Amino acid sequence: MAEHKTQSAATPQNDTVDAPFGASTAKNADEVAKSAEAAVESGDISAEDLAEAVIEAEAAAIVDESLDAVEADAQSADSMREAAEWKDKYIRLHAEWDTYRRRTKEQQEIQKALAAEKLVTSLIPVIDDLERSIDYAEKNGEVGLLDGVRAVLTKFVNTLEKDGVEVIDPKGQPFEALEAQAVGTVDDPSQPDETVNDVYQRGYKIGAKVLRPAMVTVTTGGPKRPKEDE
């Protein structure tokens, strides 16, 4: 009979344990613990069942805390990700600004070069006239005129050089097709092939841009120019 009584009492005990403790979480852990103690005092639950209930409630609390920690970590990760995105945007914006500033400066330099190019191109014929005047004075003995025109030419060319103009006068140098135009050849075996023999008209350039190539004659019949001189 005693064994049968214990068997009968076990059934409601398990029901009592499963209902309140099986669904326990950290939020109702205290309430579950109080209910469990009351059940032990009334004889509806054994001490072992109470211990299991307490363990289950503690486990639920740990799970709940873990979930909170995971959520906090996720929020922290989101904040770090957002900060990284803003940093990336700042770096790209700074790079774009540097590119814009560099391009603006390059465009200003190009516009400045174009303005100077137009001016110099219009003045080149004047230089030609001065050079012809000097040539005439030298051949006809006009010493006074020669000195005056030579002084004007020197001052004029110096003014252009201050603005970045460079005179191309390659006499005696290797022929360079990018800066000189050959208008004739001269047979001269004493000089290496393709040496500028004479300059009929000097050229002009600004930086790497040739405004007008020099008009020259080039030697032929001489030895090949050494590679180191090319």
Protein backbone atom coordinates (compact mmCIF):
# COMPACT_ATOMS: atom_id res chain seq x y z
CA MET A 1 0.00 0.00 0.00
CA ALA A 2 2.84 2.38 0.90
CA GLU A 3 4.50 1.77 -2.42
CA HIS A 4 1.24 2.42 -4.26
CA LYS A 5 0.74 5.65 -2.30
CA THR A 6 4.20 6.89 -3.27
CA GLN A 7 3.48 6.01 -6.89
CA SER A 8 0.20 7.95 -6.81
CA ALA A 9 1.80 10.99 -5.21
CA ALA A 10 4.57 11.05 -7.78
CA THR A 11 2.20 11.79 -10.63
CA PRO A 12 0.85 15.14 -9.35
CA GLN A 13 4.35 16.05 -8.17
CA ASN A 14 5.71 15.78 -11.72
CA ASP A 15 2.74 17.69 -13.07
CA THR A 16 3.36 20.44 -10.56
CA VAL A 17 7.05 20.62 -11.46
CA ASP A 18 6.52 20.58 -15.25
CA ALA A 19 3.94 23.34 -15.28
CA PRO A 20 5.58 26.14 -13.32
CA PHE A 21 9.25 25.26 -13.82
CA GLY A 22 9.38 23.93 -17.36
CA ALA A 23 8.57 27.32 -18.86
CA SER A 24 10.54 29.45 -16.41
CA THR A 25 12.80 32.29 -17.56
CA ALA A 26 14.99 34.85 -15.83
CA LYS A 27 12.04 37.22 -15.48
CA ASN A 28 9.89 34.84 -13.39
CA ALA A 29 12.70 32.85 -11.71
CA ASP A 30 12.02 34.40 -8.30
CA GLU A 31 8.32 33.69 -8.53
CA VAL A 32 9.02 30.09 -9.49
CA ALA A 33 11.41 29.66 -6.57
CA LYS A 34 8.80 30.98 -4.10
CA SER A 35 6.14 28.70 -5.54
CA ALA A 36 8.53 25.75 -5.28
CA GLU A 37 9.25 26.42 -1.59
CA ALA A 38 5.53 26.66 -0.87
CA ALA A 39 4.95 23.38 -2.67
CA VAL A 40 7.64 21.65 -0.59
CA GLU A 41 6.13 22.92 2.64
CA SER A 42 2.70 21.69 1.59
CA GLY A 43 4.10 18.33 0.57
CA ASP A 44 3.14 18.74 -3.12
CA ILE A 45 6.79 18.54 -4.31
CA SER A 46 9.86 16.78 -3.08
CA ALA A 47 13.21 18.39 -2.26
CA GLU A 48 14.76 16.76 -5.33
CA ASP A 49 12.10 18.22 -7.59
CA LEU A 50 12.69 21.58 -5.95
CA ALA A 51 16.44 21.36 -6.66
CA GLU A 52 15.71 20.57 -10.31
CA ALA A 53 13.31 23.49 -10.47
CA VAL A 54 15.92 25.85 -9.01
CA ILE A 55 18.54 24.61 -11.48
CA GLU A 56 16.09 25.09 -14.33
CA ALA A 57 15.32 28.64 -13.19
CA GLU A 58 19.01 29.48 -12.87
CA ALA A 59 19.69 28.02 -16.28
CA ALA A 60 16.88 30.12 -17.72
CA ALA A 61 18.38 33.20 -16.08
CA ILE A 62 21.80 32.42 -17.56
CA VAL A 63 20.25 31.97 -20.99
CA ASP A 64 18.40 35.26 -20.67
CA GLU A 65 21.58 37.08 -19.61
CA SER A 66 23.45 35.50 -22.49
CA LEU A 67 20.80 36.70 -24.91
CA ASP A 68 21.09 40.22 -23.48
CA ALA A 69 24.88 40.07 -23.87
CA VAL A 70 24.56 38.89 -27.47
CA GLU A 71 22.11 41.69 -28.19
CA ALA A 72 24.48 44.24 -26.62
CA ASP A 73 27.39 42.85 -28.66
CA ALA A 74 25.27 43.08 -31.81
CA GLN A 75 24.44 46.71 -31.04
CA SER A 76 28.13 47.41 -30.39
CA ALA A 77 29.04 45.72 -33.68
CA ASP A 78 26.44 47.82 -35.47
CA SER A 79 27.92 50.97 -33.93
CA MET A 80 31.43 49.95 -34.96
CA ARG A 81 30.22 49.10 -38.45
CA GLU A 82 28.49 52.47 -38.74
CA ALA A 83 31.61 54.25 -37.51
CA ALA A 84 33.70 52.35 -40.06
CA GLU A 85 31.28 53.34 -42.82
CA TRP A 86 31.51 57.03 -41.86
CA LYS A 87 35.29 56.80 -41.75
CA ASP A 88 35.32 55.23 -45.21
CA LYS A 89 33.04 58.01 -46.51
CA TYR A 90 35.36 60.63 -45.02
CA ILE A 91 38.45 59.06 -46.62
CA ARG A 92 36.75 58.85 -50.04
CA LEU A 93 35.48 62.44 -49.75
CA HIS A 94 38.96 63.65 -48.82
CA ALA A 95 40.48 61.77 -51.79
CA GLU A 96 37.88 63.24 -54.14
CA TRP A 97 38.60 66.74 -52.84
CA ASP A 98 42.34 66.26 -53.41
CA THR A 99 41.64 65.04 -56.95
CA TYR A 100 39.37 68.04 -57.63
CA ARG A 101 41.95 70.48 -56.27
CA ARG A 102 44.73 68.90 -58.35
CA ARG A 103 42.65 68.96 -61.52
CA THR A 104 41.67 72.58 -60.91
CA LYS A 105 45.31 73.53 -60.53
CA GLU A 106 46.23 71.64 -63.70
CA GLN A 107 43.46 73.38 -65.63
CA GLN A 108 44.67 76.76 -64.39
CA GLU A 109 48.18 75.94 -65.54
CA ILE A 110 46.84 74.86 -68.94
CA GLN A 111 44.85 78.09 -69.33
CA LYS A 112 47.90 80.11 -68.36
CA ALA A 113 50.04 78.24 -70.89
CA LEU A 114 47.43 78.78 -73.63
CA ALA A 115 47.33 82.51 -72.93
CA ALA A 116 51.12 82.75 -73.07
CA GLU A 117 51.17 80.59 -76.20
CA LYS A 118 48.85 82.97 -78.03
CA LEU A 119 50.95 85.97 -77.06
CA VAL A 120 54.24 84.39 -78.02
CA THR A 121 52.91 83.12 -81.33
CA SER A 122 51.91 86.65 -82.28
CA LEU A 123 55.31 88.04 -81.28
CA ILE A 124 57.49 85.52 -83.10
CA PRO A 125 57.27 87.34 -86.46
CA VAL A 126 58.51 90.49 -84.76
CA ILE A 127 61.58 88.60 -83.58
CA ASP A 128 62.09 87.38 -87.14
CA ASP A 129 62.04 90.96 -88.41
CA LEU A 130 64.56 92.04 -85.83
CA GLU A 131 66.85 89.19 -86.77
CA ARG A 132 66.60 90.11 -90.45
CA SER A 133 67.42 93.73 -89.62
CA ILE A 134 70.52 92.65 -87.76
CA ASP A 135 71.55 90.45 -90.67
CA TYR A 136 71.12 93.36 -93.08
CA ALA A 137 73.10 95.73 -90.88
CA GLU A 138 75.96 93.24 -90.57
CA LYS A 139 76.18 92.84 -94.34
CA ASN A 140 75.86 96.54 -95.17
CA GLY A 141 78.01 98.06 -92.46
CA GLU A 142 75.28 99.87 -90.62
CA VAL A 143 77.04 99.70 -87.26
CA GLY A 144 74.77 102.11 -85.42
CA LEU A 145 71.60 100.41 -86.57
CA LEU A 146 73.08 97.05 -85.82
CA ASP A 147 73.81 97.87 -82.16
CA GLY A 148 70.36 99.34 -81.59
CA VAL A 149 68.42 96.52 -83.16
CA ARG A 150 70.59 93.92 -81.42
CA ALA A 151 69.83 95.53 -78.06
CA VAL A 152 66.10 95.53 -78.78
CA LEU A 153 66.19 91.90 -79.82
CA THR A 154 68.11 90.86 -76.72
CA LYS A 155 65.67 92.66 -74.44
CA PHE A 156 62.71 91.23 -76.29
CA VAL A 157 63.92 87.65 -76.12
CA ASN A 158 64.86 88.00 -72.44
CA THR A 159 61.33 89.19 -71.71
CA LEU A 160 59.86 86.12 -73.37
CA GLU A 161 62.26 83.81 -71.56
CA LYS A 162 61.03 85.18 -68.24
CA ASP A 163 57.56 83.98 -69.21
CA GLY A 164 58.85 80.47 -69.86
CA VAL A 165 59.69 80.76 -73.55
CA GLU A 166 62.75 78.80 -74.66
CA VAL A 167 64.60 79.48 -77.91
CA ILE A 168 65.35 76.43 -80.07
CA ASP A 169 68.74 77.00 -81.70
CA PRO A 170 70.23 73.52 -82.31
CA LYS A 171 73.24 74.43 -84.47
CA GLY A 172 75.92 71.73 -84.12
CA GLN A 173 73.58 69.45 -82.15
CA PRO A 174 71.98 66.14 -83.16
CA PHE A 175 68.88 66.63 -85.29
CA GLU A 176 65.71 66.31 -83.22
CA ALA A 177 62.60 65.90 -85.34
CA LEU A 178 60.29 67.02 -82.53
CA GLU A 179 61.97 70.42 -82.26
CA ALA A 180 63.41 71.05 -85.72
CA GLN A 181 62.31 70.82 -89.34
CA ALA A 182 64.95 69.84 -91.91
CA VAL A 183 64.66 71.96 -95.05
CA GLY A 184 67.82 70.66 -96.70
CA THR A 185 70.91 68.47 -96.35
CA VAL A 186 74.61 69.24 -96.49
CA ASP A 187 77.27 66.68 -97.42
CA ASP A 188 79.83 66.92 -94.63
CA PRO A 189 81.83 63.78 -93.77
CA SER A 190 83.60 65.63 -90.95
CA GLN A 191 80.48 65.62 -88.80
CA PRO A 192 78.32 62.71 -87.64
CA ASP A 193 75.24 61.96 -89.71
CA GLU A 194 72.14 64.04 -88.95
CA THR A 195 73.92 66.91 -87.25
CA VAL A 196 72.30 70.34 -87.52
CA ASN A 197 74.64 72.24 -89.86
CA ASP A 198 72.87 75.59 -89.98
CA VAL A 199 69.74 77.19 -88.52
CA TYR A 200 67.75 79.27 -90.99
CA GLN A 201 65.05 80.13 -88.50
CA ARG A 202 65.15 79.53 -84.78
CA GLY A 203 62.29 77.75 -83.06
CA TYR A 204 60.44 78.45 -79.82
CA LYS A 205 58.75 76.36 -77.14
CA ILE A 206 57.04 76.69 -73.77
CA GLY A 207 57.88 73.83 -71.47
CA ALA A 208 57.53 70.65 -73.54
CA LYS A 209 55.22 72.27 -76.10
CA VAL A 210 56.92 73.39 -79.31
CA LEU A 211 55.34 76.60 -80.59
CA ARG A 212 57.38 76.55 -83.78
CA PRO A 213 60.15 74.13 -84.78
CA ALA A 214 63.48 75.47 -85.97
CA MET A 215 64.19 75.36 -89.72
CA VAL A 216 67.56 73.71 -90.23
CA THR A 217 69.88 71.91 -92.63
CA VAL A 218 71.22 68.48 -91.67
CA THR A 219 74.56 66.89 -92.50
CA THR A 220 74.94 63.61 -94.39
CA GLY A 221 77.86 61.41 -95.41
CA GLY A 222 79.54 61.40 -92.03
CA PRO A 223 80.03 58.63 -89.49
CA LYS A 224 77.12 57.27 -87.50
CA ARG A 225 76.53 59.14 -84.29
CA PRO A 226 77.51 57.22 -81.11
CA LYS A 227 74.51 55.98 -79.14
CA GLU A 228 75.46 57.90 -76.01
CA ASP A 229 75.09 61.16 -77.96
CA GLU A 230 71.65 60.30 -79.29
